[in-house]
Every structure is written in C-alpha cells, then in structure tokens.
Amino acid sequence: MSNFDQAIASLDLKLFEKIQSQSTDSDKRSFLSIQLAVRNLRSPYNYLEIGSYLGGSIQPHLLDDRCARIFSIDRRPTQQPDARGFDYTYLNNSTERMLEHLRNVDAEKIDKITTIDGDSRSLQASAVGEKIDLCFIDGEHTDEAALSDFKFCLEVLNANGCIAFHDAQITYNGLADCVDYLAQSGIDFRAYSLPNSVFLIEIGDFPVHKEPAIFQRLVNNHESYLYSLQENDQYRRFANKYLFRTVRNFISRVRGGNVSQ
C-alpha cells in the first residue's frame, strides 16, 4: 500500500496541508470519504469541480494515481453574489495563481489538470472532453447557480457517478430544485448530507454510501443537520429581536395563529 493509499484510507487531513481550503475539518473528511469510495468503485476515475479558487479541494485528487483527469471550471470573478445577501469577494483570483499552488503540491502531475475559465450557464458539455465520475460543486453560492451547475454536471457525468455540493446550508433551496429535477426526469438517484455541509447525490448505480467511511458519516449525520441549523441561527436571532417579535405576536393574535384547538 502506497503512502497515499494509507493517507486516504485514514482520511488524513495532511492531504490538504499545502493549500488553504475554505472548509471545515469535518468537510474535508467527507471529501476524502467520497474520493475513497469513488476510487474503490472506479479506477481510474475522472474528477471535475466547479469553483476552485486556490485549488484546495483539488489537492488530494492531484496526488491520487487513480485519478486520471481533473477538470477545473471557474469564471474567476473578483466578486460574486451569495444567497446570504452579500457579494462575496475573491482576492487575486486567477487560474495561474491556482496552478502555481498546485505545482507546489505535485509538479509532476500538474498536466492531468484541464482548466476552463467560464460559467456553466454558458458552457457546452463538449468543453469537457471526457465523461466524469465525480463532480464537486462549490461555485457561486446562489440557488440558481447551484441548479445550473448541477445540470451541467449531469451532462458530463457518467451514467453511473456522483455529484457533491459544498456549503449545503446556504444553497438548500437550489439543492431541493436539483432533487426535484431528478425526480421529474425519472433519473435514478440517492441523495444525502454528510458532515458538516456536504450534500451528495448518487446517480444511477454508483453506491458510494456502501463505503464504510461514508456509512459511518451517514449514521452520524446529526452533525450535518445540527451544523446547518446552527449556521443559519443568526437569521432566527435577527427575526426574534424585540421589534420583529412584537409585530409577529400581534399578527398571530389577530389571525389566531397562536391558538391550538
């Protein structure tokens, strides 16, 4: 067993140590669990992600000899909208800066990365020359973008593969739209959350959930449930400020909504 095989089997966070990743340690372990499951189901495999910034989430796939190709799609904005109600700023956001970071991870494997500066809403599936086994969506954090990125990933995905989302507690309405789209299209799928804020959709016959590392996180997915609610609790605290609470109580009394029969 190689050093990498040992590291990913133990979900070793050192696989992320060379490039800062905008994710919690629990997220990173979920990412590694998904990668571990995919590489055990299909070897070699192809990986695509939307929203790369510095390349933090690419690191373990770059190091993985079972990962044949990596596609990074990012329109490289300085600012982009966010469902939390503000524009999110990215400093020094360039493909070359990301690639320089990734060369420090493993310069000899950098050639397996294909970068595409663009938006999934304006890209054709033909821009990705191969079928993908694992897609990771971490681009613009709006519900509309989540659905658009998902539809693009569906086009380039193998008949049996999986699509993961980061920051599910932000784009949950977009994720609901993705699930509805699959159901209405008659596409076989399984969908579930992983700690802290990862949402995974298996498409077709691709039983990632049978990987012990995934299963363990599934039976403890109270972590993702509570994390999502606590992350959004700021909005409840705001809505419960004295003025808003007084107005809601008045409306409830008028409508009788605070009375149970």
C-alpha atoms as a PDB file:
ATOM      1  CA  MET A   1       0.000   0.000   0.000  1.00  0.00           C
ATOM      2  CA  SER A   2       1.404   3.401  -1.020  1.00  0.00           C
ATOM      3  CA  ASN A   3       1.736   6.339   1.342  1.00  0.00           C
ATOM      4  CA  PHE A   4      -1.183   7.992  -0.424  1.00  0.00           C
ATOM      5  CA  ASP A   5      -3.344   4.872  -0.100  1.00  0.00           C
ATOM      6  CA  GLN A   6      -2.632   4.798   3.620  1.00  0.00           C
ATOM      7  CA  ALA A   7      -3.352   8.512   3.978  1.00  0.00           C
ATOM      8  CA  ILE A   8      -6.712   8.471   2.224  1.00  0.00           C
ATOM      9  CA  ALA A   9      -7.783   5.233   3.918  1.00  0.00           C
ATOM     10  CA  SER A  10      -7.295   7.004   7.259  1.00  0.00           C
ATOM     11  CA  LEU A  11      -8.887  10.261   5.982  1.00  0.00           C
ATOM     12  CA  ASP A  12      -5.626  12.041   6.780  1.00  0.00           C
ATOM     13  CA  LEU A  13      -6.106  15.812   6.689  1.00  0.00           C
ATOM     14  CA  LYS A  14      -2.455  16.257   5.735  1.00  0.00           C
ATOM     15  CA  LEU A  15      -3.629  15.650   2.172  1.00  0.00           C
ATOM     16  CA  PHE A  16      -4.954  19.230   2.341  1.00  0.00           C
ATOM     17  CA  GLU A  17      -1.962  20.771   4.079  1.00  0.00           C
ATOM     18  CA  LYS A  18      -0.273  22.630   1.180  1.00  0.00           C
ATOM     19  CA  ILE A  19      -3.190  24.795   0.015  1.00  0.00           C
ATOM     20  CA  GLN A  20      -5.681  26.503   2.276  1.00  0.00           C
ATOM     21  CA  SER A  21      -9.154  25.068   1.770  1.00  0.00           C
ATOM     22  CA  GLN A  22     -12.314  27.008   2.663  1.00  0.00           C
ATOM     23  CA  SER A  23     -13.888  24.099   4.503  1.00  0.00           C
ATOM     24  CA  THR A  24     -14.053  22.625   7.988  1.00  0.00           C
ATOM     25  CA  ASP A  25     -12.026  19.593   9.011  1.00  0.00           C
ATOM     26  CA  SER A  26     -15.225  17.556   9.017  1.00  0.00           C
ATOM     27  CA  ASP A  27     -15.972  18.708   5.459  1.00  0.00           C
ATOM     28  CA  LYS A  28     -12.508  17.641   4.403  1.00  0.00           C
ATOM     29  CA  ARG A  29     -13.007  14.181   5.867  1.00  0.00           C
ATOM     30  CA  SER A  30     -16.270  13.936   3.950  1.00  0.00           C
ATOM     31  CA  PHE A  31     -14.462  14.946   0.761  1.00  0.00           C
ATOM     32  CA  LEU A  32     -11.845  12.256   1.365  1.00  0.00           C
ATOM     33  CA  SER A  33     -14.531   9.679   2.173  1.00  0.00           C
ATOM     34  CA  ILE A  34     -16.228  10.401  -1.159  1.00  0.00           C
ATOM     35  CA  GLN A  35     -12.922  10.207  -3.018  1.00  0.00           C
ATOM     36  CA  LEU A  36     -12.100   6.934  -1.278  1.00  0.00           C
ATOM     37  CA  ALA A  37     -15.458   5.466  -2.299  1.00  0.00           C
ATOM     38  CA  VAL A  38     -15.161   6.650  -5.905  1.00  0.00           C
ATOM     39  CA  ARG A  39     -11.617   5.337  -6.393  1.00  0.00           C
ATOM     40  CA  ASN A  40     -12.713   1.967  -4.980  1.00  0.00           C
ATOM     41  CA  LEU A  41     -15.713   1.826  -7.301  1.00  0.00           C
ATOM     42  CA  ARG A  42     -13.933   3.000 -10.435  1.00  0.00           C
ATOM     43  CA  SER A  43     -10.243   3.097 -11.185  1.00  0.00           C
ATOM     44  CA  PRO A  44      -9.100   5.166 -12.908  1.00  0.00           C
ATOM     45  CA  TYR A  45     -11.649   7.917 -12.358  1.00  0.00           C
ATOM     46  CA  ASN A  46     -12.150  11.448 -13.693  1.00  0.00           C
ATOM     47  CA  TYR A  47     -12.861  14.396 -11.407  1.00  0.00           C
ATOM     48  CA  LEU A  48     -14.500  17.745 -12.192  1.00  0.00           C
ATOM     49  CA  GLU A  49     -15.132  20.673  -9.928  1.00  0.00           C
ATOM     50  CA  ILE A  50     -16.893  23.987 -10.375  1.00  0.00           C
ATOM     51  CA  GLY A  51     -15.397  26.727  -8.238  1.00  0.00           C
ATOM     52  CA  SER A  52     -11.739  26.081  -7.490  1.00  0.00           C
ATOM     53  CA  TYR A  53     -10.271  29.396  -6.264  1.00  0.00           C
ATOM     54  CA  LEU A  54      -6.826  28.370  -4.925  1.00  0.00           C
ATOM     55  CA  GLY A  55      -7.190  24.653  -5.671  1.00  0.00           C
ATOM     56  CA  GLY A  56      -7.561  23.463  -2.091  1.00  0.00           C
ATOM     57  CA  SER A  57     -10.121  20.777  -2.921  1.00  0.00           C
ATOM     58  CA  ILE A  58      -8.105  19.586  -5.936  1.00  0.00           C
ATOM     59  CA  GLN A  59      -5.069  18.607  -3.825  1.00  0.00           C
ATOM     60  CA  PRO A  60      -5.994  15.012  -2.898  1.00  0.00           C
ATOM     61  CA  HIS A  61      -7.139  14.215  -6.442  1.00  0.00           C
ATOM     62  CA  LEU A  62      -3.901  15.576  -7.880  1.00  0.00           C
ATOM     63  CA  LEU A  63      -1.942  13.281  -5.569  1.00  0.00           C
ATOM     64  CA  ASP A  64      -4.120  10.256  -6.352  1.00  0.00           C
ATOM     65  CA  ASP A  65      -2.654   7.984  -9.050  1.00  0.00           C
ATOM     66  CA  ARG A  66      -6.123   6.517  -9.577  1.00  0.00           C
ATOM     67  CA  CYS A  67      -7.394   9.949 -10.667  1.00  0.00           C
ATOM     68  CA  ALA A  68      -6.703  10.143 -14.391  1.00  0.00           C
ATOM     69  CA  ARG A  69      -8.058  13.594 -15.268  1.00  0.00           C
ATOM     70  CA  ILE A  70      -9.054  16.717 -13.362  1.00  0.00           C
ATOM     71  CA  PHE A  71     -11.249  19.459 -14.826  1.00  0.00           C
ATOM     72  CA  SER A  72     -11.471  22.791 -13.017  1.00  0.00           C
ATOM     73  CA  ILE A  73     -14.223  25.209 -14.086  1.00  0.00           C
ATOM     74  CA  ASP A  74     -14.148  28.690 -12.589  1.00  0.00           C
ATOM     75  CA  ARG A  75     -15.128  32.014 -14.134  1.00  0.00           C
ATOM     76  CA  ARG A  76     -12.651  33.704 -11.782  1.00  0.00           C
ATOM     77  CA  PRO A  77     -14.758  36.634 -10.548  1.00  0.00           C
ATOM     78  CA  THR A  78     -13.491  39.315  -8.182  1.00  0.00           C
ATOM     79  CA  GLN A  79     -16.984  39.352  -6.678  1.00  0.00           C
ATOM     80  CA  GLN A  80     -19.998  37.101  -6.979  1.00  0.00           C
ATOM     81  CA  PRO A  81     -23.495  37.080  -5.462  1.00  0.00           C
ATOM     82  CA  ASP A  82     -24.284  34.935  -2.439  1.00  0.00           C
ATOM     83  CA  ALA A  83     -27.602  33.656  -1.087  1.00  0.00           C
ATOM     84  CA  ARG A  84     -26.689  35.041   2.336  1.00  0.00           C
ATOM     85  CA  GLY A  85     -27.392  38.519   0.997  1.00  0.00           C
ATOM     86  CA  PHE A  86     -23.969  39.945   0.174  1.00  0.00           C
ATOM     87  CA  ASP A  87     -21.452  39.818  -2.657  1.00  0.00           C
ATOM     88  CA  TYR A  88     -18.536  37.507  -1.838  1.00  0.00           C
ATOM     89  CA  THR A  89     -15.071  38.880  -2.718  1.00  0.00           C
ATOM     90  CA  TYR A  90     -12.171  36.789  -4.052  1.00  0.00           C
ATOM     91  CA  LEU A  91      -8.756  38.444  -3.923  1.00  0.00           C
ATOM     92  CA  ASN A  92      -6.116  37.708  -6.588  1.00  0.00           C
ATOM     93  CA  ASN A  93      -8.414  35.162  -8.192  1.00  0.00           C
ATOM     94  CA  SER A  94      -6.650  33.692 -11.200  1.00  0.00           C
ATOM     95  CA  THR A  95      -6.090  30.311 -12.806  1.00  0.00           C
ATOM     96  CA  GLU A  96      -2.341  30.805 -12.885  1.00  0.00           C
ATOM     97  CA  ARG A  97      -2.239  31.513  -9.148  1.00  0.00           C
ATOM     98  CA  MET A  98      -4.143  28.268  -8.517  1.00  0.00           C
ATOM     99  CA  LEU A  99      -1.848  26.266 -10.770  1.00  0.00           C
ATOM    100  CA  GLU A 100       1.203  27.694  -9.021  1.00  0.00           C
ATOM    101  CA  HIS A 101      -0.163  26.460  -5.708  1.00  0.00           C
ATOM    102  CA  LEU A 102      -0.879  23.038  -7.214  1.00  0.00           C
ATOM    103  CA  ARG A 103       2.643  22.787  -8.639  1.00  0.00           C
ATOM    104  CA  ASN A 104       3.842  23.015  -5.056  1.00  0.00           C
ATOM    105  CA  VAL A 105       1.657  20.007  -4.263  1.00  0.00           C
ATOM    106  CA  ASP A 106       2.984  17.848  -7.118  1.00  0.00           C
ATOM    107  CA  ALA A 107       4.531  19.490 -10.172  1.00  0.00           C
ATOM    108  CA  GLU A 108       4.923  16.160 -11.987  1.00  0.00           C
ATOM    109  CA  LYS A 109       1.158  15.548 -12.064  1.00  0.00           C
ATOM    110  CA  ILE A 110       0.033  19.035 -12.995  1.00  0.00           C
ATOM    111  CA  ASP A 111      -0.520  18.024 -16.635  1.00  0.00           C
ATOM    112  CA  LYS A 112      -3.599  15.983 -15.728  1.00  0.00           C
ATOM    113  CA  ILE A 113      -5.434  19.220 -14.874  1.00  0.00           C
ATOM    114  CA  THR A 114      -7.539  20.985 -17.517  1.00  0.00           C
ATOM    115  CA  THR A 115      -8.709  24.469 -16.541  1.00  0.00           C
ATOM    116  CA  ILE A 116     -11.732  26.199 -18.040  1.00  0.00           C
ATOM    117  CA  ASP A 117     -12.319  29.876 -17.249  1.00  0.00           C
ATOM    118  CA  GLY A 118     -16.071  30.162 -17.621  1.00  0.00           C
ATOM    119  CA  ASP A 119     -19.555  29.736 -16.223  1.00  0.00           C
ATOM    120  CA  SER A 120     -21.551  26.521 -16.529  1.00  0.00           C
ATOM    121  CA  ARG A 121     -24.503  28.583 -17.755  1.00  0.00           C
ATOM    122  CA  SER A 122     -22.603  29.469 -20.923  1.00  0.00           C
ATOM    123  CA  LEU A 123     -20.535  26.302 -21.410  1.00  0.00           C
ATOM    124  CA  GLN A 124     -21.308  23.336 -23.639  1.00  0.00           C
ATOM    125  CA  ALA A 125     -20.716  19.836 -22.325  1.00  0.00           C
ATOM    126  CA  SER A 126     -18.256  19.374 -25.191  1.00  0.00           C
ATOM    127  CA  ALA A 127     -15.889  21.720 -23.333  1.00  0.00           C
ATOM    128  CA  VAL A 128     -15.162  18.722 -21.116  1.00  0.00           C
ATOM    129  CA  GLY A 129     -13.684  16.079 -23.365  1.00  0.00           C
ATOM    130  CA  GLU A 130     -14.298  13.050 -21.176  1.00  0.00           C
ATOM    131  CA  LYS A 131     -17.010  11.520 -19.033  1.00  0.00           C
ATOM    132  CA  ILE A 132     -16.736  12.364 -15.338  1.00  0.00           C
ATOM    133  CA  ASP A 133     -17.157  10.053 -12.358  1.00  0.00           C
ATOM    134  CA  LEU A 134     -17.172  12.602  -9.531  1.00  0.00           C
ATOM    135  CA  CYS A 135     -18.305  16.225  -9.780  1.00  0.00           C
ATOM    136  CA  PHE A 136     -17.859  18.735  -6.972  1.00  0.00           C
ATOM    137  CA  ILE A 137     -19.852  21.987  -6.978  1.00  0.00           C
ATOM    138  CA  ASP A 138     -18.526  24.893  -4.912  1.00  0.00           C
ATOM    139  CA  GLY A 139     -19.020  27.866  -7.208  1.00  0.00           C
ATOM    140  CA  GLU A 140     -21.444  30.773  -6.911  1.00  0.00           C
ATOM    141  CA  HIS A 141     -23.462  30.238  -3.740  1.00  0.00           C
ATOM    142  CA  THR A 142     -26.921  31.028  -5.081  1.00  0.00           C
ATOM    143  CA  ASP A 143     -29.826  28.659  -5.622  1.00  0.00           C
ATOM    144  CA  GLU A 144     -29.945  29.468  -9.337  1.00  0.00           C
ATOM    145  CA  ALA A 145     -26.242  28.745  -9.832  1.00  0.00           C
ATOM    146  CA  ALA A 146     -26.445  25.501  -7.842  1.00  0.00           C
ATOM    147  CA  LEU A 147     -29.148  24.188 -10.184  1.00  0.00           C
ATOM    148  CA  SER A 148     -27.334  25.399 -13.311  1.00  0.00           C
ATOM    149  CA  ASP A 149     -24.029  23.852 -12.204  1.00  0.00           C
ATOM    150  CA  PHE A 150     -25.851  20.633 -11.358  1.00  0.00           C
ATOM    151  CA  LYS A 151     -27.476  20.379 -14.800  1.00  0.00           C
ATOM    152  CA  PHE A 152     -24.095  20.902 -16.456  1.00  0.00           C
ATOM    153  CA  CYS A 153     -22.559  18.192 -14.279  1.00  0.00           C
ATOM    154  CA  LEU A 154     -25.363  15.813 -15.226  1.00  0.00           C
ATOM    155  CA  GLU A 155     -24.486  16.324 -18.884  1.00  0.00           C
ATOM    156  CA  VAL A 156     -20.831  15.403 -18.437  1.00  0.00           C
ATOM    157  CA  LEU A 157     -21.322  12.714 -15.770  1.00  0.00           C
ATOM    158  CA  ASN A 158     -21.029   9.012 -16.480  1.00  0.00           C
ATOM    159  CA  ALA A 159     -24.327   7.140 -16.474  1.00  0.00           C
ATOM    160  CA  ASN A 160     -23.289   5.964 -13.003  1.00  0.00           C
ATOM    161  CA  GLY A 161     -21.484   8.597 -10.958  1.00  0.00           C
ATOM    162  CA  CYS A 162     -21.950  11.148  -8.214  1.00  0.00           C
ATOM    163  CA  ILE A 163     -22.221  14.898  -7.683  1.00  0.00           C
ATOM    164  CA  ALA A 164     -21.241  16.586  -4.415  1.00  0.00           C
ATOM    165  CA  PHE A 165     -22.039  20.103  -3.199  1.00  0.00           C
ATOM    166  CA  HIS A 166     -20.272  22.170  -0.585  1.00  0.00           C
ATOM    167  CA  ASP A 167     -21.997  24.683   1.728  1.00  0.00           C
ATOM    168  CA  ALA A 168     -25.343  22.912   1.525  1.00  0.00           C
ATOM    169  CA  GLN A 169     -26.686  25.049   4.384  1.00  0.00           C
ATOM    170  CA  ILE A 170     -26.569  28.059   2.040  1.00  0.00           C
ATOM    171  CA  THR A 171     -27.978  26.723  -1.240  1.00  0.00           C
ATOM    172  CA  TYR A 172     -30.542  24.308   0.239  1.00  0.00           C
ATOM    173  CA  ASN A 173     -33.369  25.621  -1.966  1.00  0.00           C
ATOM    174  CA  GLY A 174     -31.197  25.057  -5.022  1.00  0.00           C
ATOM    175  CA  LEU A 175     -30.454  21.536  -3.808  1.00  0.00           C
ATOM    176  CA  ALA A 176     -34.190  20.907  -3.429  1.00  0.00           C
ATOM    177  CA  ASP A 177     -34.589  22.052  -7.044  1.00  0.00           C
ATOM    178  CA  CYS A 178     -31.873  19.592  -8.124  1.00  0.00           C
ATOM    179  CA  VAL A 179     -33.625  16.724  -6.368  1.00  0.00           C
ATOM    180  CA  ASP A 180     -36.977  17.740  -7.900  1.00  0.00           C
ATOM    181  CA  TYR A 181     -35.359  17.895 -11.331  1.00  0.00           C
ATOM    182  CA  LEU A 182     -34.077  14.339 -10.973  1.00  0.00           C
ATOM    183  CA  ALA A 183     -37.425  13.052  -9.753  1.00  0.00           C
ATOM    184  CA  GLN A 184     -39.328  14.747 -12.580  1.00  0.00           C
ATOM    185  CA  SER A 185     -36.800  13.471 -15.138  1.00  0.00           C
ATOM    186  CA  GLY A 186     -37.148   9.882 -13.960  1.00  0.00           C
ATOM    187  CA  ILE A 187     -33.435   9.603 -13.159  1.00  0.00           C
ATOM    188  CA  ASP A 188     -32.453   7.049 -10.509  1.00  0.00           C
ATOM    189  CA  PHE A 189     -30.650   8.688  -7.605  1.00  0.00           C
ATOM    190  CA  ARG A 190     -29.906   8.689  -3.899  1.00  0.00           C
ATOM    191  CA  ALA A 191     -29.294  11.942  -2.029  1.00  0.00           C
ATOM    192  CA  TYR A 192     -27.998  12.591   1.475  1.00  0.00           C
ATOM    193  CA  SER A 193     -25.983  15.001   3.585  1.00  0.00           C
ATOM    194  CA  LEU A 194     -22.568  14.464   5.151  1.00  0.00           C
ATOM    195  CA  PRO A 195     -20.865  16.441   7.932  1.00  0.00           C
ATOM    196  CA  ASN A 196     -20.503  19.333   8.073  1.00  0.00           C
ATOM    197  CA  SER A 197     -22.047  20.901   4.979  1.00  0.00           C
ATOM    198  CA  VAL A 198     -21.661  18.405   2.133  1.00  0.00           C
ATOM    199  CA  PHE A 199     -24.625  17.198   0.068  1.00  0.00           C
ATOM    200  CA  LEU A 200     -24.072  14.148  -2.124  1.00  0.00           C
ATOM    201  CA  ILE A 201     -26.203  12.791  -4.957  1.00  0.00           C
ATOM    202  CA  GLU A 202     -25.504   9.330  -6.370  1.00  0.00           C
ATOM    203  CA  ILE A 203     -26.698   8.982  -9.956  1.00  0.00           C
ATOM    204  CA  GLY A 204     -27.644   5.550 -11.291  1.00  0.00           C
ATOM    205  CA  ASP A 205     -25.890   2.523  -9.838  1.00  0.00           C
ATOM    206  CA  PHE A 206     -22.979   4.106  -8.009  1.00  0.00           C
ATOM    207  CA  PRO A 207     -23.295   3.002  -4.361  1.00  0.00           C
ATOM    208  CA  VAL A 208     -20.891   5.396  -2.706  1.00  0.00           C
ATOM    209  CA  HIS A 209     -22.887   5.005   0.512  1.00  0.00           C
ATOM    210  CA  LYS A 210     -21.610   1.428   0.900  1.00  0.00           C
ATOM    211  CA  GLU A 211     -18.073   2.671   1.534  1.00  0.00           C
ATOM    212  CA  PRO A 212     -17.535   2.199   5.310  1.00  0.00           C
ATOM    213  CA  ALA A 213     -16.167   5.724   5.707  1.00  0.00           C
ATOM    214  CA  ILE A 214     -19.307   7.165   4.091  1.00  0.00           C
ATOM    215  CA  PHE A 215     -21.640   4.862   6.003  1.00  0.00           C
ATOM    216  CA  GLN A 216     -20.077   5.884   9.310  1.00  0.00           C
ATOM    217  CA  ARG A 217     -20.695   9.536   8.492  1.00  0.00           C
ATOM    218  CA  LEU A 218     -24.235   8.771   7.392  1.00  0.00           C
ATOM    219  CA  VAL A 219     -25.224   7.123  10.666  1.00  0.00           C
ATOM    220  CA  ASN A 220     -23.826  10.162  12.458  1.00  0.00           C
ATOM    221  CA  ASN A 221     -25.325  12.757  10.164  1.00  0.00           C
ATOM    222  CA  HIS A 222     -26.759  14.620  13.132  1.00  0.00           C
ATOM    223  CA  GLU A 223     -23.511  16.546  12.685  1.00  0.00           C
ATOM    224  CA  SER A 224     -24.585  17.933   9.304  1.00  0.00           C
ATOM    225  CA  TYR A 225     -28.163  18.550  10.468  1.00  0.00           C
ATOM    226  CA  LEU A 226     -27.169  20.498  13.562  1.00  0.00           C
ATOM    227  CA  TYR A 227     -24.333  22.324  11.807  1.00  0.00           C
ATOM    228  CA  SER A 228     -26.703  23.611   9.116  1.00  0.00           C
ATOM    229  CA  LEU A 229     -29.274  24.823  11.638  1.00  0.00           C
ATOM    230  CA  GLN A 230     -26.674  26.474  13.844  1.00  0.00           C
ATOM    231  CA  GLU A 231     -25.036  28.173  10.857  1.00  0.00           C
ATOM    232  CA  ASN A 232     -28.393  29.724   9.945  1.00  0.00           C
ATOM    233  CA  ASP A 233     -29.409  30.514  13.516  1.00  0.00           C
ATOM    234  CA  GLN A 234     -28.240  34.098  13.057  1.00  0.00           C
ATOM    235  CA  TYR A 235     -31.334  34.724  10.946  1.00  0.00           C
ATOM    236  CA  ARG A 236     -33.610  33.362  13.679  1.00  0.00           C
ATOM    237  CA  ARG A 237     -31.866  35.538  16.244  1.00  0.00           C
ATOM    238  CA  PHE A 238     -32.375  38.565  13.989  1.00  0.00           C
ATOM    239  CA  ALA A 239     -36.060  37.731  13.423  1.00  0.00           C
ATOM    240  CA  ASN A 240     -36.564  37.371  17.187  1.00  0.00           C
ATOM    241  CA  LYS A 241     -35.365  40.844  18.045  1.00  0.00           C
ATOM    242  CA  TYR A 242     -37.890  42.760  20.098  1.00  0.00           C
ATOM    243  CA  LEU A 243     -39.489  44.802  17.303  1.00  0.00           C
ATOM    244  CA  PHE A 244     -39.926  41.889  14.887  1.00  0.00           C
ATOM    245  CA  ARG A 245     -41.154  39.554  17.631  1.00  0.00           C
ATOM    246  CA  THR A 246     -43.723  42.139  18.772  1.00  0.00           C
ATOM    247  CA  VAL A 247     -45.081  42.565  15.251  1.00  0.00           C
ATOM    248  CA  ARG A 248     -45.294  38.783  14.714  1.00  0.00           C
ATOM    249  CA  ASN A 249     -47.087  38.290  18.023  1.00  0.00           C
ATOM    250  CA  PHE A 250     -49.610  40.986  17.098  1.00  0.00           C
ATOM    251  CA  ILE A 251     -50.271  39.375  13.693  1.00  0.00           C
ATOM    252  CA  SER A 252     -50.601  35.933  15.298  1.00  0.00           C
ATOM    253  CA  ARG A 253     -53.168  37.223  17.774  1.00  0.00           C
ATOM    254  CA  VAL A 254     -55.193  38.916  15.027  1.00  0.00           C
ATOM    255  CA  ARG A 255     -55.143  35.805  12.832  1.00  0.00           C
ATOM    256  CA  GLY A 256     -55.486  33.363  15.691  1.00  0.00           C
ATOM    257  CA  GLY A 257     -52.368  31.543  14.528  1.00  0.00           C
ATOM    258  CA  ASN A 258     -51.098  31.174  18.083  1.00  0.00           C
ATOM    259  CA  VAL A 259     -54.112  29.128  19.225  1.00  0.00           C
ATOM    260  CA  SER A 260     -54.272  25.336  19.057  1.00  0.00           C
ATOM    261  CA  GLN A 261     -57.657  23.586  19.171  1.00  0.00           C
END
